[in-house]
């Protein structure tokens, strides 16, 4: 099953905007033109962090950003660190805060309640 990542901006320049990244295996966030999510905040690095989307999970990697990547109020454990994202997590980069929503991608059947894991 493929994971769908949606970020809802709760603070910052994209406040109240849902940002849907369905179908992407990687979401690069930063100030650079090659980013999937481009932010104009000068406290965000050009290539600040990367969200990698797997079959059933998503991870955020800090790309050695100067000001760090914060998940649920905790700075990732040093530049280049990563952590698994969960539905409802809060992701903060500079002045921007996003609520993370992880759901099965459209077209994927949801498992029946009580069904054994694949």
C-alpha atoms as a PDB file:
ATOM      1  CA  UNK A   1       0.000   0.000   0.000  1.00  0.00           C
ATOM      2  CA  UNK A   2       1.393   3.417  -0.915  1.00  0.00           C
ATOM      3  CA  UNK A   3       1.402   6.213   1.638  1.00  0.00           C
ATOM      4  CA  UNK A   4      -0.022   9.597   0.673  1.00  0.00           C
ATOM      5  CA  UNK A   5       1.542  12.650   2.343  1.00  0.00           C
ATOM      6  CA  UNK A   6      -0.405  15.870   2.882  1.00  0.00           C
ATOM      7  CA  UNK A   7       1.059  18.803   4.795  1.00  0.00           C
ATOM      8  CA  UNK A   8      -1.328  21.396   6.237  1.00  0.00           C
ATOM      9  CA  UNK A   9       0.477  24.667   6.927  1.00  0.00           C
ATOM     10  CA  UNK A  10      -0.556  25.946  10.359  1.00  0.00           C
ATOM     11  CA  UNK A  11       2.000  28.780  10.550  1.00  0.00           C
ATOM     12  CA  UNK A  12       4.144  30.645   8.037  1.00  0.00           C
ATOM     13  CA  UNK A  13       3.830  31.890   4.481  1.00  0.00           C
ATOM     14  CA  UNK A  14       1.556  29.016   3.366  1.00  0.00           C
ATOM     15  CA  UNK A  15      -0.745  29.098   6.402  1.00  0.00           C
ATOM     16  CA  UNK A  16      -4.071  27.274   5.929  1.00  0.00           C
ATOM     17  CA  UNK A  17      -2.927  25.741   2.630  1.00  0.00           C
ATOM     18  CA  UNK A  18      -3.125  21.950   2.290  1.00  0.00           C
ATOM     19  CA  UNK A  19      -0.148  20.693   0.289  1.00  0.00           C
ATOM     20  CA  UNK A  20      -0.804  17.276  -1.226  1.00  0.00           C
ATOM     21  CA  UNK A  21       2.122  15.170  -2.418  1.00  0.00           C
ATOM     22  CA  UNK A  22       0.240  12.070  -3.599  1.00  0.00           C
ATOM     23  CA  UNK A  23       2.310   9.906  -5.901  1.00  0.00           C
ATOM     24  CA  UNK A  24       5.684  11.399  -4.948  1.00  0.00           C
ATOM     25  CA  UNK A  25       8.330   9.129  -3.444  1.00  0.00           C
ATOM     26  CA  UNK A  26      10.308  12.132  -2.185  1.00  0.00           C
ATOM     27  CA  UNK A  27       9.317  15.640  -1.121  1.00  0.00           C
ATOM     28  CA  UNK A  28      12.261  18.046  -1.018  1.00  0.00           C
ATOM     29  CA  UNK A  29      11.601  21.156   1.087  1.00  0.00           C
ATOM     30  CA  UNK A  30      13.694  24.320   1.031  1.00  0.00           C
ATOM     31  CA  UNK A  31      14.341  27.616  -0.768  1.00  0.00           C
ATOM     32  CA  UNK A  32      15.853  26.141  -3.941  1.00  0.00           C
ATOM     33  CA  UNK A  33      13.960  26.097  -7.238  1.00  0.00           C
ATOM     34  CA  UNK A  34      14.360  22.313  -7.442  1.00  0.00           C
ATOM     35  CA  UNK A  35      12.316  21.767  -4.254  1.00  0.00           C
ATOM     36  CA  UNK A  36       8.867  20.136  -4.325  1.00  0.00           C
ATOM     37  CA  UNK A  37       7.855  22.607  -1.611  1.00  0.00           C
ATOM     38  CA  UNK A  38       9.628  25.926  -1.971  1.00  0.00           C
ATOM     39  CA  UNK A  39       9.662  28.358   0.972  1.00  0.00           C
ATOM     40  CA  UNK A  40      10.896  31.948   0.838  1.00  0.00           C
ATOM     41  CA  UNK A  41      11.889  32.060   4.512  1.00  0.00           C
ATOM     42  CA  UNK A  42      15.596  33.046   4.824  1.00  0.00           C
ATOM     43  CA  UNK A  43      15.956  30.821   7.929  1.00  0.00           C
ATOM     44  CA  UNK A  44      15.149  27.768   5.781  1.00  0.00           C
ATOM     45  CA  UNK A  45      18.123  26.250   3.952  1.00  0.00           C
ATOM     46  CA  UNK A  46      18.142  25.893   0.170  1.00  0.00           C
ATOM     47  CA  UNK A  47      17.724  22.125   0.578  1.00  0.00           C
ATOM     48  CA  UNK A  48      16.452  21.944   4.145  1.00  0.00           C
ATOM     49  CA  UNK A  49      14.839  18.524   4.545  1.00  0.00           C
ATOM     50  CA  UNK A  50      13.539  15.572   2.584  1.00  0.00           C
ATOM     51  CA  UNK A  51      10.437  13.501   3.206  1.00  0.00           C
ATOM     52  CA  UNK A  52      10.809   9.986   1.820  1.00  0.00           C
ATOM     53  CA  UNK A  53       7.549   8.157   1.242  1.00  0.00           C
ATOM     54  CA  UNK A  54       7.543   4.374   1.379  1.00  0.00           C
ATOM     55  CA  UNK A  55       4.889   1.729   0.986  1.00  0.00           C
ATOM     56  CA  UNK A  56       3.587   2.053   4.534  1.00  0.00           C
ATOM     57  CA  UNK A  57       5.660   4.792   6.155  1.00  0.00           C
ATOM     58  CA  UNK A  58       7.223   8.203   5.632  1.00  0.00           C
ATOM     59  CA  UNK A  59      10.488   9.529   7.034  1.00  0.00           C
ATOM     60  CA  UNK A  60      11.893  13.060   7.271  1.00  0.00           C
ATOM     61  CA  UNK A  61      15.626  13.630   6.829  1.00  0.00           C
ATOM     62  CA  UNK A  62      17.339  16.851   7.838  1.00  0.00           C
ATOM     63  CA  UNK A  63      19.723  17.696   4.976  1.00  0.00           C
ATOM     64  CA  UNK A  64      22.336  19.340   7.198  1.00  0.00           C
ATOM     65  CA  UNK A  65      20.251  22.492   7.429  1.00  0.00           C
ATOM     66  CA  UNK A  66      21.713  25.382   9.391  1.00  0.00           C
ATOM     67  CA  UNK A  67      18.693  25.880  11.680  1.00  0.00           C
ATOM     68  CA  UNK A  68      17.539  22.275  11.896  1.00  0.00           C
ATOM     69  CA  UNK A  69      14.300  20.410  11.377  1.00  0.00           C
ATOM     70  CA  UNK A  70      11.907  20.128  14.308  1.00  0.00           C
ATOM     71  CA  UNK A  71       9.362  17.305  14.700  1.00  0.00           C
ATOM     72  CA  UNK A  72       6.819  17.576  17.525  1.00  0.00           C
ATOM     73  CA  UNK A  73       8.917  20.224  19.265  1.00  0.00           C
ATOM     74  CA  UNK A  74      12.126  18.167  19.176  1.00  0.00           C
ATOM     75  CA  UNK A  75      15.131  19.036  17.036  1.00  0.00           C
ATOM     76  CA  UNK A  76      16.156  16.023  14.991  1.00  0.00           C
ATOM     77  CA  UNK A  77      19.243  14.543  16.627  1.00  0.00           C
ATOM     78  CA  UNK A  78      21.812  16.554  14.684  1.00  0.00           C
ATOM     79  CA  UNK A  79      22.361  17.594  11.123  1.00  0.00           C
ATOM     80  CA  UNK A  80      21.615  14.784   8.720  1.00  0.00           C
ATOM     81  CA  UNK A  81      19.343  13.007  11.229  1.00  0.00           C
ATOM     82  CA  UNK A  82      16.060  11.337  10.295  1.00  0.00           C
ATOM     83  CA  UNK A  83      12.884  10.143  11.984  1.00  0.00           C
ATOM     84  CA  UNK A  84       9.716   8.313  11.044  1.00  0.00           C
ATOM     85  CA  UNK A  85       6.669  10.526  10.570  1.00  0.00           C
ATOM     86  CA  UNK A  86       3.265   9.612  11.956  1.00  0.00           C
ATOM     87  CA  UNK A  87      -0.168  10.949  11.097  1.00  0.00           C
ATOM     88  CA  UNK A  88      -0.730  14.167  13.081  1.00  0.00           C
ATOM     89  CA  UNK A  89       2.958  14.980  13.644  1.00  0.00           C
ATOM     90  CA  UNK A  90       4.038  18.625  13.594  1.00  0.00           C
ATOM     91  CA  UNK A  91       6.941  19.552  11.292  1.00  0.00           C
ATOM     92  CA  UNK A  92       8.650  22.937  11.752  1.00  0.00           C
ATOM     93  CA  UNK A  93      11.157  24.603   9.411  1.00  0.00           C
ATOM     94  CA  UNK A  94      12.070  28.202  10.158  1.00  0.00           C
ATOM     95  CA  UNK A  95       8.857  30.216  10.532  1.00  0.00           C
ATOM     96  CA  UNK A  96       6.686  27.523   8.918  1.00  0.00           C
ATOM     97  CA  UNK A  97       4.833  24.780  10.763  1.00  0.00           C
ATOM     98  CA  UNK A  98       3.022  21.920   9.060  1.00  0.00           C
ATOM     99  CA  UNK A  99       0.656  19.233  10.364  1.00  0.00           C
ATOM    100  CA  UNK A 100       1.517  15.900   8.720  1.00  0.00           C
ATOM    101  CA  UNK A 101      -1.304  13.729   7.378  1.00  0.00           C
ATOM    102  CA  UNK A 102      -0.491  10.214   6.192  1.00  0.00           C
ATOM    103  CA  UNK A 103      -3.168   8.155   4.460  1.00  0.00           C
ATOM    104  CA  UNK A 104      -3.341   5.339   1.928  1.00  0.00           C
ATOM    105  CA  UNK A 105      -3.152   6.743  -1.607  1.00  0.00           C
ATOM    106  CA  UNK A 106      -6.409   6.944  -3.626  1.00  0.00           C
ATOM    107  CA  UNK A 107      -7.245   3.753  -5.406  1.00  0.00           C
ATOM    108  CA  UNK A 108      -5.654   1.598  -2.736  1.00  0.00           C
ATOM    109  CA  UNK A 109      -8.189  -0.497  -0.842  1.00  0.00           C
ATOM    110  CA  UNK A 110      -8.211   0.008   2.900  1.00  0.00           C
ATOM    111  CA  UNK A 111      -7.704  -3.217   4.886  1.00  0.00           C
ATOM    112  CA  UNK A 112     -10.756  -4.670   6.579  1.00  0.00           C
ATOM    113  CA  UNK A 113     -10.869  -4.137  10.347  1.00  0.00           C
ATOM    114  CA  UNK A 114      -9.240  -7.110  12.054  1.00  0.00           C
ATOM    115  CA  UNK A 115      -7.623  -8.360   8.848  1.00  0.00           C
ATOM    116  CA  UNK A 116      -4.160  -9.896   9.311  1.00  0.00           C
ATOM    117  CA  UNK A 117      -1.215  -7.747   8.240  1.00  0.00           C
ATOM    118  CA  UNK A 118       0.256  -8.571   4.860  1.00  0.00           C
END
